[in-house]
N, C-alpha and C. Protein backbone atom coordinates (compact mmCIF):
# COMPACT_ATOMS: atom_id res chain seq x y z
N MET A 1 0.29 -1.76 -0.05
CA MET A 1 -0.03 0.08 -0.05
C MET A 1 0.70 0.64 0.03
N LEU A 2 0.46 2.66 -0.14
CA LEU A 2 1.15 2.92 -0.70
C LEU A 2 0.19 4.34 -0.50
N PHE A 3 1.06 5.61 0.74
CA PHE A 3 1.24 7.07 1.09
C PHE A 3 2.14 7.70 1.18
N ARG A 4 1.17 9.13 1.01
CA ARG A 4 2.06 9.71 -0.04
C ARG A 4 2.50 10.70 1.23
N ALA A 5 3.85 12.10 1.69
CA ALA A 5 3.53 12.81 2.55
C ALA A 5 4.91 13.97 1.57
N ARG A 6 4.77 14.68 2.17
CA ARG A 6 4.95 16.27 1.55
C ARG A 6 6.60 16.00 2.51
N VAL A 7 7.85 16.01 1.94
CA VAL A 7 8.94 17.13 2.23
C VAL A 7 9.76 17.99 1.40
N GLY A 8 9.58 19.22 2.33
CA GLY A 8 9.94 20.51 1.39
C GLY A 8 9.85 20.54 0.19
N GLY A 9 8.41 20.96 0.53
CA GLY A 9 7.27 20.96 -0.94
C GLY A 9 6.74 19.66 -2.60
N ASP A 10 7.61 18.64 -1.72
CA ASP A 10 7.98 17.34 -2.92
C ASP A 10 7.45 16.56 -2.44
N ALA A 11 6.44 15.73 -3.11
CA ALA A 11 5.92 14.43 -2.68
C ALA A 11 6.53 13.94 -2.49
N VAL A 12 7.33 12.66 -1.67
CA VAL A 12 8.10 11.43 -1.85
C VAL A 12 6.41 10.18 -1.26
N VAL A 13 6.36 9.24 -1.98
CA VAL A 13 6.40 8.30 -2.74
C VAL A 13 6.85 7.09 -1.13
N ARG A 14 5.89 6.07 -0.36
CA ARG A 14 6.61 5.11 -0.13
C ARG A 14 5.80 4.27 0.34
N GLN A 15 6.17 3.01 0.42
CA GLN A 15 5.79 1.19 0.44
C GLN A 15 5.86 1.05 1.96
N GLU A 16 4.08 1.29 2.25
CA GLU A 16 3.90 0.62 3.53
C GLU A 16 4.00 -1.17 3.60
N PRO A 17 4.69 -1.85 4.39
CA PRO A 17 5.08 -2.88 3.82
C PRO A 17 3.77 -3.90 4.10
N ALA A 18 3.98 -4.64 3.33
CA ALA A 18 2.77 -5.50 3.15
C ALA A 18 2.65 -6.17 4.42
N PRO A 19 0.93 -6.23 4.86
CA PRO A 19 0.63 -7.26 6.08
C PRO A 19 1.33 -8.31 6.10
N ARG A 20 1.98 -9.13 6.83
CA ARG A 20 1.87 -10.60 7.08
C ARG A 20 1.86 -11.02 7.96
N THR A 21 0.32 -12.85 8.07
CA THR A 21 0.18 -12.94 9.77
C THR A 21 0.32 -14.57 9.22
N ARG A 22 0.30 -14.85 10.50
CA ARG A 22 0.06 -16.77 10.37
C ARG A 22 -1.76 -16.88 9.60
N HIS A 23 -2.34 -16.38 9.63
CA HIS A 23 -3.33 -16.79 8.22
C HIS A 23 -3.71 -16.08 6.73
N LEU A 24 -2.63 -14.91 6.73
CA LEU A 24 -2.61 -13.91 5.85
C LEU A 24 -1.09 -13.70 5.03
N ARG A 25 -0.98 -13.16 3.98
CA ARG A 25 -0.28 -12.87 3.24
C ARG A 25 -0.35 -11.56 2.24
N VAL A 26 0.15 -10.97 2.22
CA VAL A 26 -0.57 -9.98 1.50
C VAL A 26 1.03 -9.36 0.70
N ARG A 27 0.31 -9.35 -0.98
CA ARG A 27 1.29 -8.67 -1.85
C ARG A 27 0.39 -8.43 -3.41
N GLU A 28 1.40 -7.77 -4.51
CA GLU A 28 0.88 -7.27 -5.09
C GLU A 28 1.65 -7.44 -6.09
N ASP A 29 0.37 -7.85 -7.12
CA ASP A 29 0.92 -8.25 -8.90
C ASP A 29 0.40 -8.53 -9.67
N ARG A 30 0.95 -7.76 -11.06
CA ARG A 30 0.34 -7.49 -12.22
C ARG A 30 -0.92 -6.22 -11.41
N GLY A 31 -0.54 -5.41 -10.63
CA GLY A 31 -1.58 -4.12 -10.90
C GLY A 31 -2.77 -4.97 -9.78
N HIS A 32 -2.60 -5.89 -9.37
CA HIS A 32 -3.53 -5.98 -8.31
C HIS A 32 -2.55 -6.61 -6.95
N THR A 33 -3.51 -6.74 -5.83
CA THR A 33 -3.57 -6.44 -4.21
C THR A 33 -3.67 -8.37 -3.80
N VAL A 34 -2.62 -9.29 -4.10
CA VAL A 34 -3.27 -10.34 -3.45
C VAL A 34 -3.66 -11.18 -1.84
N LEU A 35 -4.40 -11.45 -1.59
CA LEU A 35 -4.83 -12.01 -0.42
C LEU A 35 -4.50 -13.35 -0.78
N GLU A 36 -3.35 -13.74 -0.06
CA GLU A 36 -3.19 -15.54 -0.07
C GLU A 36 -3.93 -15.69 1.56
N PHE A 37 -5.33 -16.26 1.60
CA PHE A 37 -5.35 -16.77 2.90
C PHE A 37 -4.80 -17.92 2.96
N ARG A 38 -3.95 -18.77 4.40
CA ARG A 38 -3.41 -19.31 4.67
C ARG A 38 -3.84 -20.75 5.98
N GLY A 39 -3.91 -21.81 5.61
CA GLY A 39 -4.48 -22.83 7.01
C GLY A 39 -5.22 -22.59 7.52
N GLU A 40 -6.22 -22.65 8.30
CA GLU A 40 -7.12 -22.85 8.86
C GLU A 40 -8.16 -21.88 8.58
N ILE A 41 -9.05 -21.10 8.36
CA ILE A 41 -9.72 -20.02 8.71
C ILE A 41 -10.85 -20.35 9.36
N ASP A 42 -10.85 -19.73 10.24
CA ASP A 42 -12.18 -20.07 11.39
C ASP A 42 -12.05 -18.66 12.23
N ILE A 43 -13.21 -18.77 12.74
CA ILE A 43 -13.25 -17.09 13.92
C ILE A 43 -12.02 -16.71 14.22
N ALA A 44 -11.01 -17.76 14.58
CA ALA A 44 -9.98 -16.75 14.91
C ALA A 44 -8.56 -16.08 14.08
N ALA A 45 -8.78 -16.62 12.86
CA ALA A 45 -7.95 -16.18 11.63
C ALA A 45 -9.04 -15.31 11.76
N ALA A 46 -10.30 -15.19 10.75
CA ALA A 46 -10.93 -14.20 10.53
C ALA A 46 -10.66 -12.69 11.53
N ALA A 47 -10.74 -13.19 12.67
CA ALA A 47 -10.06 -11.67 13.44
C ALA A 47 -9.10 -11.13 13.21
N GLU A 48 -7.86 -11.75 12.45
CA GLU A 48 -6.38 -11.21 12.33
C GLU A 48 -6.19 -11.08 10.77
N ILE A 49 -7.17 -11.26 10.32
CA ILE A 49 -7.19 -11.22 8.53
C ILE A 49 -8.00 -10.06 8.03
N MET A 50 -9.06 -10.11 9.35
CA MET A 50 -10.25 -8.85 9.35
C MET A 50 -9.43 -7.22 8.57
N PRO A 51 -8.42 -6.32 9.76
CA PRO A 51 -8.04 -5.13 9.67
C PRO A 51 -6.94 -4.96 8.13
N ALA A 52 -6.58 -6.25 7.63
CA ALA A 52 -6.56 -6.32 6.58
C ALA A 52 -6.88 -6.23 5.11
N LEU A 53 -7.70 -6.50 5.56
CA LEU A 53 -8.91 -7.21 4.31
C LEU A 53 -9.67 -5.77 3.76
N ASP A 54 -9.87 -5.34 5.35
CA ASP A 54 -10.71 -3.81 5.28
C ASP A 54 -9.95 -2.87 4.79
N ARG A 55 -8.04 -2.39 5.53
CA ARG A 55 -7.37 -2.41 4.09
C ARG A 55 -7.54 -1.57 2.46
N ALA A 56 -7.20 -2.79 2.43
CA ALA A 56 -7.08 -3.42 0.88
C ALA A 56 -8.66 -2.93 -0.09
N THR A 57 -9.79 -3.44 0.84
CA THR A 57 -11.31 -3.58 -0.25
C THR A 57 -12.05 -2.17 0.07
N GLY A 58 -11.53 -1.13 1.12
CA GLY A 58 -11.77 -0.17 1.05
C GLY A 58 -11.20 0.75 0.53
N ARG A 59 -10.17 0.62 -0.44
CA ARG A 59 -9.30 2.03 -1.41
C ARG A 59 -10.30 1.58 -2.70
N PRO A 60 -10.25 3.05 -3.26
CA PRO A 60 -11.43 3.20 -4.94
C PRO A 60 -10.48 2.35 -5.64
N GLY A 61 -11.36 1.33 -6.28
CA GLY A 61 -11.22 0.63 -7.40
C GLY A 61 -10.46 -0.67 -7.37
N ALA A 62 -9.91 -0.42 -6.46
CA ALA A 62 -8.88 -1.88 -5.61
C ALA A 62 -9.26 -3.02 -7.25
N ARG A 63 -8.24 -3.64 -7.69
CA ARG A 63 -8.61 -4.93 -8.26
C ARG A 63 -7.75 -5.65 -6.81
N ILE A 64 -8.43 -7.08 -6.61
CA ILE A 64 -8.28 -8.10 -5.72
C ILE A 64 -8.53 -9.13 -5.97
N VAL A 65 -7.35 -10.06 -5.61
CA VAL A 65 -7.55 -11.12 -5.71
C VAL A 65 -7.70 -12.36 -4.23
N ILE A 66 -8.25 -12.31 -3.96
CA ILE A 66 -8.18 -13.34 -2.78
C ILE A 66 -7.83 -15.31 -3.53
N ASP A 67 -6.90 -15.78 -2.96
CA ASP A 67 -5.84 -17.11 -3.37
C ASP A 67 -6.46 -17.80 -1.82
N LEU A 68 -7.60 -18.85 -2.09
CA LEU A 68 -7.86 -19.75 -0.67
C LEU A 68 -6.98 -20.95 -1.49
N ARG A 69 -5.92 -21.31 -2.51
CA ARG A 69 -4.95 -22.00 -1.75
C ARG A 69 -4.48 -22.74 -1.14
N PRO A 70 -4.00 -22.37 -0.54
CA PRO A 70 -3.19 -22.65 0.66
C PRO A 70 -4.31 -23.09 1.93
N VAL A 71 -5.24 -22.32 1.64
CA VAL A 71 -6.04 -22.78 3.23
C VAL A 71 -6.28 -24.60 3.49
N GLU A 72 -6.77 -24.96 4.58
CA GLU A 72 -6.61 -26.40 4.44
C GLU A 72 -8.09 -26.08 5.05
N PHE A 73 -9.02 -25.57 6.17
CA PHE A 73 -9.84 -25.64 6.91
C PHE A 73 -10.87 -23.86 6.65
N PHE A 74 -12.40 -24.21 6.26
CA PHE A 74 -12.80 -22.85 5.98
C PHE A 74 -14.45 -22.97 6.51
N ASP A 75 -14.56 -22.01 7.56
CA ASP A 75 -16.18 -22.53 7.84
C ASP A 75 -16.75 -21.05 7.41
N CYS A 76 -18.14 -20.61 8.30
CA CYS A 76 -18.69 -19.89 8.17
C CYS A 76 -17.57 -18.71 8.13
N SER A 77 -16.32 -18.56 9.56
CA SER A 77 -16.12 -17.18 9.10
C SER A 77 -15.00 -16.93 8.26
N GLY A 78 -14.93 -17.66 6.93
CA GLY A 78 -14.05 -17.32 5.53
C GLY A 78 -15.13 -16.55 4.82
N LEU A 79 -16.39 -17.76 5.22
CA LEU A 79 -17.51 -17.01 4.01
C LEU A 79 -18.19 -15.41 4.57
N ARG A 80 -17.62 -15.06 5.47
CA ARG A 80 -17.79 -13.91 5.73
C ARG A 80 -17.40 -12.93 5.30
N LEU A 81 -15.96 -12.91 5.59
CA LEU A 81 -14.74 -12.53 4.81
C LEU A 81 -14.69 -12.29 3.30
N LEU A 82 -15.64 -13.51 2.56
CA LEU A 82 -15.35 -13.40 0.91
C LEU A 82 -16.38 -11.83 1.16
N TYR A 83 -17.36 -12.57 1.71
CA TYR A 83 -18.68 -11.60 1.59
C TYR A 83 -18.61 -10.36 1.25
N ARG A 84 -18.07 -10.34 2.57
CA ARG A 84 -17.59 -8.79 3.10
C ARG A 84 -16.58 -7.98 1.96
N ALA A 85 -15.34 -8.98 1.41
CA ALA A 85 -14.69 -8.10 0.59
C ALA A 85 -15.33 -7.64 -0.15
N ARG A 86 -16.08 -8.88 -0.71
CA ARG A 86 -17.39 -8.56 -2.36
C ARG A 86 -18.42 -7.37 -1.89
N SER A 87 -19.04 -7.39 -1.00
CA SER A 87 -19.64 -6.02 -0.61
C SER A 87 -18.50 -4.88 -1.07
N ARG A 88 -17.03 -4.54 -0.36
CA ARG A 88 -16.81 -2.97 0.20
C ARG A 88 -16.26 -3.18 -1.26
N VAL A 89 -15.70 -4.10 -2.01
CA VAL A 89 -14.74 -3.80 -3.23
C VAL A 89 -16.33 -3.41 -4.28
N LEU A 90 -16.63 -3.66 -4.50
CA LEU A 90 -18.28 -4.03 -5.05
C LEU A 90 -18.87 -2.05 -5.56
N GLN A 91 -18.70 -1.62 -3.89
CA GLN A 91 -18.83 -0.59 -3.08
C GLN A 91 -18.06 0.85 -3.58
N HIS A 92 -17.03 -0.15 -3.53
CA HIS A 92 -15.90 1.14 -4.00
C HIS A 92 -15.31 1.38 -5.38
N GLY A 93 -16.03 1.09 -6.43
CA GLY A 93 -15.62 0.42 -7.91
C GLY A 93 -14.58 -0.40 -8.49
N GLY A 94 -14.24 -1.16 -7.61
CA GLY A 94 -13.47 -2.09 -7.57
C GLY A 94 -13.73 -3.42 -8.19
N ARG A 95 -12.75 -4.00 -8.79
CA ARG A 95 -12.84 -5.85 -8.69
C ARG A 95 -12.13 -6.90 -7.54
N LEU A 96 -13.19 -7.84 -8.03
CA LEU A 96 -12.77 -8.98 -6.70
C LEU A 96 -12.77 -10.04 -7.40
N HIS A 97 -11.68 -11.19 -7.89
CA HIS A 97 -11.25 -12.37 -8.42
C HIS A 97 -11.00 -13.24 -6.61
N LEU A 98 -11.15 -14.12 -6.68
CA LEU A 98 -10.54 -15.78 -5.94
C LEU A 98 -10.62 -16.53 -7.16
N VAL A 99 -9.24 -17.08 -6.47
CA VAL A 99 -8.67 -18.47 -6.62
C VAL A 99 -8.76 -19.41 -5.43
N CYS A 100 -9.44 -20.70 -6.15
CA CYS A 100 -9.20 -21.85 -5.29
C CYS A 100 -9.78 -23.35 -6.07
N THR A 101 -9.18 -24.37 -5.39
CA THR A 101 -9.20 -25.73 -6.23
C THR A 101 -9.09 -26.85 -4.96
N ARG A 102 -9.03 -26.40 -3.37
CA ARG A 102 -9.28 -27.05 -2.87
C ARG A 102 -11.17 -28.16 -3.14
N PRO A 103 -11.57 -29.04 -2.96
CA PRO A 103 -12.87 -29.61 -3.13
C PRO A 103 -14.08 -28.96 -2.21
N LEU A 104 -12.97 -29.76 -0.69
CA LEU A 104 -14.28 -29.00 0.12
C LEU A 104 -14.43 -27.44 0.32
N THR A 105 -13.70 -26.18 0.44
CA THR A 105 -13.83 -25.17 -0.21
C THR A 105 -14.36 -25.11 -1.25
N LEU A 106 -14.42 -25.34 -2.52
CA LEU A 106 -15.55 -25.95 -3.35
C LEU A 106 -16.13 -25.34 -3.31
N ARG A 107 -16.68 -27.01 -2.06
CA ARG A 107 -18.25 -27.34 -2.13
C ARG A 107 -19.05 -26.80 -0.67
N VAL A 108 -18.18 -25.81 -0.11
CA VAL A 108 -18.85 -25.31 0.72
C VAL A 108 -19.02 -23.60 0.00
N LEU A 109 -18.05 -22.99 -1.35
CA LEU A 109 -18.80 -22.01 -1.85
C LEU A 109 -19.93 -22.35 -2.91
N ARG A 110 -20.14 -24.05 -3.09
CA ARG A 110 -21.20 -24.11 -4.58
C ARG A 110 -22.54 -24.07 -2.85
N VAL A 111 -22.25 -25.04 -1.89
CA VAL A 111 -23.82 -24.93 -1.32
C VAL A 111 -23.93 -24.03 -1.46
N THR A 112 -23.11 -22.67 -0.71
CA THR A 112 -23.67 -21.82 -0.08
C THR A 112 -24.26 -20.14 -0.74
N GLY A 113 -24.21 -20.64 -2.11
CA GLY A 113 -24.09 -19.80 -2.94
C GLY A 113 -23.30 -19.20 -4.01
N LEU A 114 -22.41 -18.95 -2.95
CA LEU A 114 -21.26 -18.14 -3.07
C LEU A 114 -20.85 -17.94 -4.28
N SER A 115 -20.47 -19.05 -4.62
CA SER A 115 -19.68 -19.14 -5.66
C SER A 115 -20.16 -18.63 -7.34
N ARG A 116 -21.76 -19.19 -6.91
CA ARG A 116 -22.76 -17.79 -8.42
C ARG A 116 -22.03 -16.15 -7.86
N LEU A 117 -21.40 -16.21 -6.73
CA LEU A 117 -21.60 -14.30 -6.91
C LEU A 117 -19.75 -13.94 -7.18
N LEU A 118 -19.45 -15.19 -7.31
CA LEU A 118 -17.23 -15.12 -6.87
C LEU A 118 -17.14 -16.00 -7.32
N PRO A 119 -17.17 -16.26 -8.96
CA PRO A 119 -16.99 -17.17 -8.93
C PRO A 119 -15.55 -17.93 -8.90
N PRO A 120 -15.02 -19.20 -8.79
CA PRO A 120 -13.62 -19.23 -8.29
C PRO A 120 -12.78 -19.52 -9.68
N HIS A 121 -11.69 -19.22 -9.68
CA HIS A 121 -10.47 -19.42 -11.17
C HIS A 121 -9.69 -20.40 -10.52
N GLN A 122 -9.25 -21.46 -10.89
CA GLN A 122 -8.16 -22.92 -10.66
C GLN A 122 -6.72 -21.88 -10.64
N THR A 123 -6.68 -20.76 -11.64
CA THR A 123 -4.92 -20.21 -10.98
C THR A 123 -4.65 -19.20 -10.75
N LEU A 124 -3.87 -18.00 -10.30
CA LEU A 124 -3.57 -16.88 -9.91
C LEU A 124 -3.64 -16.83 -11.54
N ASP A 125 -2.83 -16.93 -12.36
CA ASP A 125 -3.50 -16.56 -13.73
C ASP A 125 -4.59 -16.13 -14.10
N ALA A 126 -5.45 -17.67 -14.55
CA ALA A 126 -6.30 -16.52 -14.19
C ALA A 126 -7.60 -15.57 -14.16
N ALA A 127 -6.91 -15.78 -12.37
CA ALA A 127 -7.28 -14.79 -12.06
C ALA A 127 -6.97 -13.13 -12.37
N LEU A 128 -6.04 -13.00 -12.49
CA LEU A 128 -5.44 -12.06 -12.48
C LEU A 128 -5.56 -11.90 -14.40
N ALA A 129 -5.65 -12.67 -15.59
CA ALA A 129 -6.09 -12.43 -16.82
C ALA A 129 -7.93 -11.71 -17.22
N GLN A 130 -8.34 -11.77 -15.74
CA GLN A 130 -10.49 -11.73 -16.20
C GLN A 130 -9.69 -9.98 -15.02
N SER A 131 -9.23 -9.53 -14.84
CA SER A 131 -9.05 -7.94 -14.53
C SER A 131 -9.91 -6.64 -15.23
N GLU A 132 -10.52 -7.12 -15.64
CA GLU A 132 -10.96 -6.39 -17.30
C GLU A 132 -12.65 -7.02 -17.09
N ALA A 133 -13.15 -8.23 -16.45
CA ALA A 133 -14.68 -8.58 -16.54
C ALA A 133 -15.15 -7.62 -15.29
N ALA A 134 -16.41 -7.88 -15.68
CA ALA A 134 -17.29 -7.82 -14.37
C ALA A 134 -16.62 -8.84 -12.97
N SER A 135 -17.08 -7.76 -11.97
CA SER A 135 -16.44 -9.33 -10.81
C SER A 135 -17.48 -9.32 -9.84
N GLY A 136 -17.60 -10.79 -10.25
CA GLY A 136 -18.76 -11.13 -8.85
C GLY A 136 -20.28 -10.97 -9.22
N SER A 137 -20.50 -10.46 -10.10
CA SER A 137 -21.59 -9.86 -10.83
C SER A 137 -22.66 -10.86 -11.64
N LEU A 138 -23.92 -10.57 -11.32
CA LEU A 138 -24.90 -12.16 -11.90
C LEU A 138 -25.89 -11.65 -13.09
């Protein structure tokens, strides 16, 4: 994430360190913010992820990819994170894409209907390639 400061009349752009926690890795890739969820995404993990998720999804025109490939467990707390991210990104005129390959996580997304709102891609490259497509809309 970038922020600007004025030093002697000149604008200085500094890169804020990307948040990294036990359950989240944030990085930039081809103009997108990639939020990689890791491990077991339960209520405790969701509380840890939420601040970084809100920072990333609250920017106007944000282009976000949430990568669930490293996720081993995913409950309703994870679903709430995805729905929150989608709502915030759409509210701010951005784009959101999802990467997911684990059968159990895909099943949770299908059973709850979230896969219709946020269709999962099989690879990060596929999600990044969809950057100009409508994000999660029916």
